[in-house]
Protein backbone atom coordinates (compact mmCIF):
# COMPACT_ATOMS: atom_id res chain seq x y z
CA MET A 1 -89.87 -1.94 97.98
CA ILE A 2 -92.92 0.45 98.71
CA ASP A 3 -94.84 2.54 96.09
CA LEU A 4 -96.60 5.62 96.87
CA PHE A 5 -98.67 7.75 94.78
CA ALA A 6 -98.86 4.05 92.80
CA GLY A 7 -101.55 4.42 90.35
CA ALA A 8 -102.51 1.23 88.45
CA GLY A 9 -98.97 -0.37 89.35
CA GLY A 10 -96.56 0.76 86.24
CA LEU A 11 -93.56 1.71 88.31
CA SER A 12 -94.03 -1.18 90.58
CA GLU A 13 -94.57 -3.71 87.49
CA GLY A 14 -90.97 -2.58 86.44
CA LEU A 15 -89.39 -2.75 89.33
CA GLN A 16 -90.99 -5.99 90.61
CA GLU A 17 -89.53 -7.48 86.79
CA ALA A 18 -86.05 -5.77 87.85
CA GLY A 19 -86.29 -8.26 91.09
CA PHE A 20 -87.52 -5.91 94.02
CA LYS A 21 -90.76 -7.23 95.89
CA SER A 22 -93.38 -4.87 96.53
CA LEU A 23 -94.77 -4.77 99.95
CA TYR A 24 -97.19 -1.94 99.94
CA ALA A 25 -98.66 0.57 97.85
CA ASN A 26 -100.91 3.33 98.35
CA GLU A 27 -103.08 5.24 95.64
CA LEU A 28 -106.13 7.84 96.57
CA MET A 29 -107.95 6.26 93.24
CA GLU A 30 -109.92 3.58 94.44
CA THR A 31 -110.17 2.30 90.72
CA TYR A 32 -106.34 2.66 90.30
CA ALA A 33 -105.99 0.67 93.26
CA ARG A 34 -108.50 -2.01 92.49
CA THR A 35 -106.24 -2.56 89.33
CA PHE A 36 -102.79 -2.71 91.52
CA ALA A 37 -104.24 -5.16 93.62
CA ALA A 38 -105.96 -7.21 91.13
CA ASN A 39 -101.72 -7.36 89.31
CA HIS A 40 -100.08 -7.56 92.47
CA PRO A 41 -101.95 -9.94 95.22
CA ASP A 42 -99.37 -10.41 97.25
CA THR A 43 -98.84 -6.55 97.93
CA VAL A 44 -100.63 -4.56 100.62
CA VAL A 45 -102.57 -1.54 98.84
CA GLU A 46 -104.53 1.08 100.65
CA SER A 47 -106.47 3.71 99.19
CA GLU A 48 -106.28 6.50 101.18
CA ASP A 49 -105.12 10.25 101.33
CA ILE A 50 -101.31 9.70 101.96
CA ARG A 51 -101.52 12.85 104.16
CA ASN A 52 -103.72 10.72 106.63
CA VAL A 53 -101.31 7.47 106.60
CA ASP A 54 -99.24 7.38 109.48
CA ALA A 55 -95.93 6.31 107.91
CA ALA A 56 -94.64 4.43 111.57
CA ASP A 57 -97.82 2.41 111.46
CA VAL A 58 -97.01 1.10 107.83
CA ARG A 59 -93.63 0.15 109.00
CA GLU A 60 -94.65 -1.51 111.97
CA ARG A 61 -97.19 -3.71 110.08
CA LEU A 62 -94.48 -4.82 107.61
CA LYS A 63 -92.51 -5.74 110.55
CA LEU A 64 -89.65 -3.41 108.96
CA LYS A 65 -86.92 -1.92 111.09
CA ARG A 66 -85.48 1.31 109.93
CA GLY A 67 -82.93 0.74 107.59
CA GLU A 68 -84.20 -2.54 106.22
CA LEU A 69 -86.17 -1.40 103.30
CA SER A 70 -84.35 -1.35 99.85
CA LEU A 71 -86.31 0.91 98.10
CA ILE A 72 -89.03 4.01 98.30
CA ALA A 73 -90.65 4.55 94.80
CA GLY A 74 -93.19 6.99 93.69
CA GLY A 75 -94.53 9.74 91.80
CA PRO A 76 -96.48 12.69 93.31
CA PRO A 77 -99.25 13.76 91.00
CA CYS A 78 -97.49 15.44 87.93
CA GLN A 79 -100.70 17.42 86.45
CA GLY A 80 -99.52 20.55 88.25
CA PHE A 81 -95.94 20.20 87.56
CA SER A 82 -96.65 19.70 84.02
CA ILE A 83 -95.48 22.25 81.12
CA ASN A 84 -98.78 21.49 79.38
CA ALA A 85 -100.97 22.25 82.37
CA PRO A 86 -103.24 25.27 82.16
CA LYS A 87 -101.93 27.27 85.41
CA ARG A 88 -98.66 26.03 87.13
CA SER A 89 -98.86 27.42 90.42
CA VAL A 90 -97.21 26.94 93.87
CA ASP A 91 -100.84 27.18 95.20
CA ASP A 92 -101.77 23.71 93.72
CA ARG A 93 -101.70 21.28 96.81
CA ARG A 94 -100.18 18.66 94.61
CA ASN A 95 -97.18 20.40 94.12
CA HIS A 96 -96.61 19.71 97.96
CA LEU A 97 -97.23 16.21 98.22
CA PHE A 98 -93.60 15.41 97.83
CA ARG A 99 -93.33 16.38 101.05
CA GLU A 100 -95.59 13.18 102.32
CA TYR A 101 -93.41 10.94 100.03
CA LEU A 102 -90.37 12.45 102.23
CA ARG A 103 -91.65 11.84 105.45
CA PHE A 104 -92.26 8.19 104.34
CA VAL A 105 -88.50 8.24 103.66
CA GLU A 106 -87.74 9.85 107.13
CA GLU A 107 -89.40 7.03 108.60
CA PHE A 108 -88.34 4.04 106.42
CA GLN A 109 -85.00 5.19 105.96
CA PRO A 110 -84.72 2.81 103.04
CA ARG A 111 -81.34 2.06 101.08
CA ALA A 112 -82.54 3.96 98.03
CA VAL A 113 -85.12 6.46 96.51
CA LEU A 114 -86.92 7.06 93.66
CA ILE A 115 -89.35 9.78 92.47
CA GLU A 116 -90.40 10.21 89.35
CA ASN A 117 -92.54 13.10 87.44
CA VAL A 118 -92.36 14.97 84.21
CA PRO A 119 -89.99 17.31 82.38
CA GLY A 120 -91.82 20.03 83.43
CA LEU A 121 -90.85 19.53 87.13
CA VAL A 122 -87.33 20.73 86.16
CA SER A 123 -88.23 24.36 85.14
CA PHE A 124 -91.37 24.56 87.79
CA GLU A 125 -90.34 27.70 89.82
CA GLY A 126 -87.14 28.06 88.00
CA GLY A 127 -85.77 24.89 89.55
CA ALA A 128 -86.74 25.84 93.20
CA THR A 129 -89.23 22.65 93.38
CA LEU A 130 -86.76 20.35 92.13
CA GLU A 131 -83.90 21.35 94.01
CA ALA A 132 -85.70 21.41 97.29
CA ILE A 133 -86.41 17.82 96.84
CA LEU A 134 -83.16 17.15 96.17
CA GLN A 135 -81.90 19.12 99.60
CA SER A 136 -84.35 17.44 101.31
CA LEU A 137 -82.99 13.84 100.30
CA ARG A 138 -79.89 15.11 100.84
CA GLU A 139 -80.50 16.08 104.47
CA LEU A 140 -81.97 12.89 104.96
CA GLY A 141 -78.43 11.49 104.52
CA TYR A 142 -79.13 10.45 100.66
CA ALA A 143 -76.39 11.34 97.67
CA ALA A 144 -79.23 12.34 95.16
CA ASP A 145 -79.07 13.17 91.52
CA VAL A 146 -81.91 13.74 88.51
CA GLN A 147 -81.77 12.71 84.93
CA ILE A 148 -84.70 13.11 82.36
CA LEU A 149 -85.04 9.77 80.69
CA TYR A 150 -86.64 9.11 77.03
CA ALA A 151 -88.88 5.81 77.07
CA PRO A 152 -87.88 4.87 73.96
CA LEU A 153 -84.11 4.69 74.21
CA PHE A 154 -85.17 1.82 76.67
CA GLY A 155 -87.52 -0.13 74.64
CA VAL A 156 -90.82 1.81 74.91
CA PRO A 157 -92.72 2.63 71.64
CA GLN A 158 -93.60 5.84 72.30
CA THR A 159 -92.67 9.67 72.83
CA ARG A 160 -92.78 9.74 76.33
CA TRP A 161 -90.33 11.56 78.78
CA ARG A 162 -90.00 11.07 82.11
CA THR A 163 -87.84 13.13 85.28
CA ILE A 164 -86.37 10.61 87.58
CA VAL A 165 -84.56 11.61 90.84
CA LEU A 166 -83.02 9.24 92.40
CA GLY A 167 -81.42 8.99 96.11
CA LEU A 168 -78.55 6.47 97.89
CA ARG A 169 -78.41 6.41 101.53
CA ASP A 170 -74.56 6.56 102.75
CA ALA A 171 -73.31 7.14 99.00
CA SER A 172 -71.56 9.74 97.81
CA ASP A 173 -72.54 10.01 94.60
CA ALA A 174 -76.19 8.76 92.96
CA SER A 175 -75.58 9.48 89.51
CA ALA A 176 -74.26 5.81 88.72
CA ALA A 177 -77.89 4.40 89.75
CA PHE A 178 -79.15 5.98 86.55
CA PRO A 179 -79.71 3.39 83.51
CA GLU A 180 -77.79 3.73 80.35
CA PRO A 181 -80.01 3.86 76.83
CA ILE A 182 -80.09 0.82 75.24
CA ARG A 183 -81.62 1.85 72.06
CA THR A 184 -81.46 4.69 69.53
CA ALA A 185 -84.76 6.75 68.49
CA PRO A 186 -85.52 9.97 66.99
CA MET A 187 -86.37 12.84 69.38
CA ARG A 188 -87.30 16.54 70.27
CA VAL A 189 -86.47 18.21 73.10
CA ASN A 190 -89.31 20.97 73.82
CA PHE A 191 -88.59 21.61 77.49
CA THR A 192 -86.25 22.78 79.85
CA SER A 193 -83.32 20.17 79.94
CA ARG A 194 -80.67 22.05 81.63
CA PHE A 195 -80.79 22.10 86.03
CA ALA A 196 -77.79 23.34 87.91
CA GLY A 197 -75.84 24.37 84.96
CA ARG A 198 -75.82 21.10 83.01
CA ASP A 199 -77.69 19.30 80.77
CA ILE A 200 -79.58 16.57 82.72
CA VAL A 201 -81.09 14.35 79.38
CA ALA A 202 -79.65 10.86 79.21
CA MET A 203 -78.66 10.11 75.60
CA PRO A 204 -77.14 7.14 73.98
CA ARG A 205 -73.58 6.70 74.17
CA SER A 206 -73.05 4.77 70.87
CA ILE A 207 -74.79 5.21 67.47
CA THR A 208 -74.58 1.55 66.95
CA LEU A 209 -77.42 0.82 69.22
CA PRO A 210 -80.42 -0.88 67.93
CA ALA A 211 -83.28 1.23 66.65
CA HIS A 212 -86.41 2.27 68.98
CA THR A 213 -89.41 -0.68 68.80
CA THR A 214 -91.75 0.62 66.19
CA VAL A 215 -95.37 0.75 66.76
CA ALA A 216 -96.22 -2.06 64.28
CA GLU A 217 -93.97 -4.31 66.45
CA ALA A 218 -95.59 -3.43 69.50
CA ILE A 219 -99.07 -4.36 68.48
CA GLY A 220 -99.29 -5.94 64.91
CA ASP A 221 -100.20 -9.03 66.87
CA LEU A 222 -103.35 -8.29 68.18
CA PRO A 223 -106.95 -8.85 67.05
CA VAL A 224 -108.33 -6.81 64.33
CA LEU A 225 -111.35 -4.94 65.54
CA GLN A 226 -113.78 -2.92 63.28
CA ASN A 227 -114.99 0.54 64.59
CA GLY A 228 -117.18 0.07 67.62
CA GLU A 229 -116.78 -3.56 68.25
CA ALA A 230 -116.49 -5.21 71.54
CA GLY A 231 -116.38 -8.80 70.95
CA GLU A 232 -115.48 -11.46 73.29
CA ASP A 233 -113.65 -10.40 76.69
CA LEU A 234 -110.95 -12.46 76.25
CA LYS A 235 -109.70 -12.81 72.54
CA PRO A 236 -106.99 -15.00 70.79
CA TYR A 237 -104.13 -13.24 69.07
CA ARG A 238 -104.31 -12.46 65.46
CA VAL A 239 -101.09 -14.03 64.66
CA GLU A 240 -98.18 -15.54 66.26
CA ALA A 241 -95.57 -13.41 67.92
CA SER A 242 -93.16 -12.20 65.54
CA ASN A 243 -90.50 -10.15 67.84
CA GLU A 244 -88.79 -10.37 71.21
CA TYR A 245 -91.17 -7.31 72.01
CA GLN A 246 -94.57 -9.12 71.44
CA ARG A 247 -93.20 -12.48 72.59
CA LEU A 248 -92.07 -10.94 75.87
CA LEU A 249 -95.35 -9.00 76.70
CA ARG A 250 -97.49 -11.92 76.06
CA VAL A 251 -95.45 -14.13 78.69
CA GLY A 252 -98.05 -16.34 80.32
CA SER A 253 -101.05 -14.83 78.64
CA THR A 254 -103.83 -16.92 76.97
CA GLY A 255 -105.29 -14.20 74.72
CA VAL A 256 -106.15 -10.36 74.69
CA ALA A 257 -108.17 -8.73 77.49
CA ASN A 258 -109.19 -5.12 77.60
CA HIS A 259 -109.33 -4.77 73.71
CA GLU A 260 -112.44 -3.33 72.45
CA ALA A 261 -113.02 -0.36 69.81
CA ALA A 262 -114.55 3.03 71.13
CA ARG A 263 -117.05 3.51 68.49
CA LEU A 264 -116.07 6.81 66.62
CA GLY A 265 -118.77 9.27 64.74
CA LYS A 266 -119.70 9.49 61.28
CA ILE A 267 -117.54 12.61 60.81
CA ASN A 268 -114.18 11.05 62.36
CA LEU A 269 -114.91 8.07 60.29
CA GLN A 270 -115.14 10.42 57.15
CA ARG A 271 -112.02 12.34 58.02
CA LEU A 272 -110.13 8.77 58.63
CA GLN A 273 -110.65 8.18 54.91
CA HIS A 274 -108.22 10.93 53.88
CA ILE A 275 -105.32 10.29 56.67
CA PRO A 276 -102.61 7.82 55.43
CA PRO A 277 -100.55 6.44 58.03
CA GLY A 278 -98.42 8.86 59.26
CA GLY A 279 -100.39 11.65 58.43
CA ASN A 280 -102.72 14.08 60.60
CA TRP A 281 -105.08 16.73 60.51
CA THR A 282 -103.50 18.59 57.59
CA ASP A 283 -104.45 15.59 55.04
CA ILE A 284 -108.02 16.04 55.83
CA PRO A 285 -110.32 18.43 53.81
CA PHE A 286 -111.12 22.13 54.79
CA GLU A 287 -114.87 21.23 55.24
CA LEU A 288 -114.36 18.08 57.12
CA LEU A 289 -112.13 19.99 59.63
CA PRO A 290 -113.56 20.63 63.21
CA ALA A 291 -114.59 24.49 63.75
CA GLY A 292 -111.85 25.33 65.72
CA MET A 293 -109.23 24.07 63.50
CA LYS A 294 -110.41 25.79 59.92
CA GLN A 295 -108.39 28.70 61.72
CA ALA A 296 -104.69 26.97 62.58
CA ARG A 297 -101.77 27.01 60.96
CA ARG A 298 -100.80 23.90 58.86
CA SER A 299 -97.76 23.82 61.34
CA ASP A 300 -99.68 24.05 64.42
CA HIS A 301 -101.26 20.73 65.99
CA THR A 302 -99.23 18.32 63.74
CA LYS A 303 -100.39 15.61 65.90
CA ARG A 304 -103.95 15.85 65.98
CA TYR A 305 -106.41 13.69 64.14
CA GLY A 306 -102.90 11.58 63.44
CA ARG A 307 -102.80 8.18 62.05
CA VAL A 308 -100.00 6.89 63.44
CA ASP A 309 -96.57 5.71 61.24
CA PRO A 310 -96.38 1.87 61.72
CA ASN A 311 -92.62 2.24 61.26
CA GLY A 312 -92.53 4.88 63.86
CA LEU A 313 -93.07 5.70 67.69
CA ALA A 314 -96.31 6.44 68.73
CA SER A 315 -97.47 10.02 70.46
CA THR A 316 -97.26 9.95 74.07
CA ILE A 317 -100.45 8.03 75.24
CA LEU A 318 -102.36 10.19 77.42
CA THR A 319 -105.31 9.48 79.58
CA LYS A 320 -107.57 8.89 76.66
CA CYS A 321 -106.81 8.07 73.19
CA ASP A 322 -109.07 11.10 71.62
CA PRO A 323 -107.51 11.52 68.16
CA HIS A 324 -108.62 15.45 68.94
CA TRP A 325 -105.24 15.42 71.09
CA GLY A 326 -103.25 13.25 69.29
CA ALA A 327 -101.96 10.53 66.93
CA TYR A 328 -104.40 7.85 68.10
CA PHE A 329 -105.70 6.48 64.68
CA HIS A 330 -104.84 2.73 64.33
CA TYR A 331 -102.21 2.77 61.05
CA ASP A 332 -104.39 0.44 59.02
CA GLN A 333 -107.74 0.03 60.94
CA ASP A 334 -110.34 2.55 60.93
CA ARG A 335 -110.70 3.07 64.78
CA ALA A 336 -108.69 4.62 67.93
CA PHE A 337 -106.65 2.63 70.09
CA THR A 338 -107.93 0.02 72.36
CA VAL A 339 -106.93 0.01 75.98
CA ARG A 340 -104.73 -2.97 75.35
CA GLU A 341 -103.06 -1.32 72.54
CA ALA A 342 -102.42 2.01 74.83
CA ALA A 343 -101.36 -0.53 77.36
CA ARG A 344 -98.82 -2.47 74.81
CA ILE A 345 -97.69 0.67 73.78
CA GLN A 346 -96.95 1.84 77.15
CA SER A 347 -95.30 -2.00 77.59
CA PHE A 348 -97.76 -3.37 80.11
CA PRO A 349 -97.65 -7.38 79.52
CA ASP A 350 -100.73 -8.70 78.30
CA THR A 351 -101.10 -10.33 81.89
CA TYR A 352 -101.96 -6.71 83.42
CA SER A 353 -105.85 -6.36 83.71
CA PHE A 354 -107.02 -2.94 84.05
CA THR A 355 -110.59 -2.56 86.12
CA GLY A 356 -113.52 -0.05 85.86
CA SER A 357 -115.16 1.50 82.65
CA ARG A 358 -113.30 2.28 79.61
CA VAL A 359 -113.00 5.58 80.16
CA GLU A 360 -111.10 4.69 83.60
CA GLN A 361 -109.03 1.99 82.23
CA TYR A 362 -107.53 4.30 79.44
CA GLU A 363 -106.92 6.96 82.31
CA GLN A 364 -104.90 4.20 84.32
CA VAL A 365 -102.49 3.58 81.26
CA GLY A 366 -101.95 6.98 80.47
CA ASN A 367 -100.96 8.18 83.75
CA ALA A 368 -98.79 5.02 84.41
CA VAL A 369 -94.75 4.55 84.46
CA PRO A 370 -93.98 2.60 81.42
CA PRO A 371 -92.97 -1.00 82.83
CA LEU A 372 -90.21 -1.39 80.59
CA LEU A 373 -88.41 2.03 82.09
CA ALA A 374 -89.43 1.38 85.57
CA ALA A 375 -87.31 -2.33 85.05
CA ALA A 376 -84.39 -0.22 83.68
CA VAL A 377 -84.09 2.17 86.50
CA GLY A 378 -84.79 -0.94 88.74
CA ARG A 379 -81.81 -2.52 87.15
CA SER A 380 -79.39 0.15 87.58
CA ILE A 381 -80.91 0.89 91.50
CA SER A 382 -80.17 -2.91 92.13
CA THR A 383 -76.68 -3.20 90.76
CA ALA A 384 -75.88 0.06 92.39
CA LEU A 385 -77.17 -1.72 95.75
CA GLY A 386 -75.03 -4.55 94.92
CA VAL A 387 -77.74 -6.79 94.55
CA GLU A 388 -78.63 -9.19 91.85
CA ALA A 389 -81.83 -9.12 90.48
CA ALA A 390 -83.39 -12.40 91.15
CA ALA A 391 -86.55 -12.10 88.87
CA LEU A 392 -87.06 -12.10 85.14
CA THR A 393 -86.09 -8.93 83.65
CA ARG A 394 -86.88 -7.55 79.91
CA ALA A 395 -84.30 -5.65 78.19
CA ILE A 396 -85.96 -5.02 74.96
């Protein structure tokens, strides 16, 4: 496989766990590319604007003939498509980068194609952009389809949604290449979920499936930290692993890295004293609220200044665990999530290290595809291709 718009490597990490071998990755952000390279030393990693990269040159350097590659994976930058973006415009140049991705598809002619993005892609320009992607794949000889996947249904302990487009070469139908949910979880669909006259959200087929992974199950074994505490670069685990999620994310790890507590200011520490696990800004006394929130209705912004419920799902991990934007306060420690806790909630293994400043590390984690979700998609693609996964897979 090769990975375009690769970020820090969450998608490749999961696909490798499903048996794919990562040969090449392209990521414009140098810090992200360094993290990718540090964790995938056998992959050729380039940090260059993809519009300036010759796809034929990459294929020749990898010594591949057209049609030999199993998979091209990746996600053009999603901010321009996002339902949360301040302005969703076709003038945003990022919205057209999928054409660069398709240029690589045309050059390599892989057996399968994976494009991931945000749910807002479905409604952007009334679905015209999504239809253009699907039609372009069909014109290149791929059966193409789309689904919206909810990460908790695949073992990821956060409310994260991703739009997944899959294409299979020389096939009549791509729908079988999507994974079946293996968990149940509470969900609320707050975006357009219908495309081409049908609902494209993947749902569990049975109510007897096991429940979602909780936040406490995900991070409860990590070291206790005080507000602002850094400590050693590599810290011992707090306790022995108590569940399958912890055991699998700890495979090969000798300790906990990227686990330092950002320092909250005095006012946020005062606010925290009033917020119970599962609570939010509505539990804060009026006089301690930020000025801009004193006018808010109590039904608004319900995740802001939230202390996460240990028995529930985390808020979507964003590019910074800022309590002003979501439930990023630890459930029983008076601080915000560390980079490692955010990475655990994203399902990165503990051996995965993040480079750059702490701000850059949060960005890399928040922008990533959860490896567990990527692994589920990878296994289903592998099955559709008739390939047995050779690597260890993690089915949580």
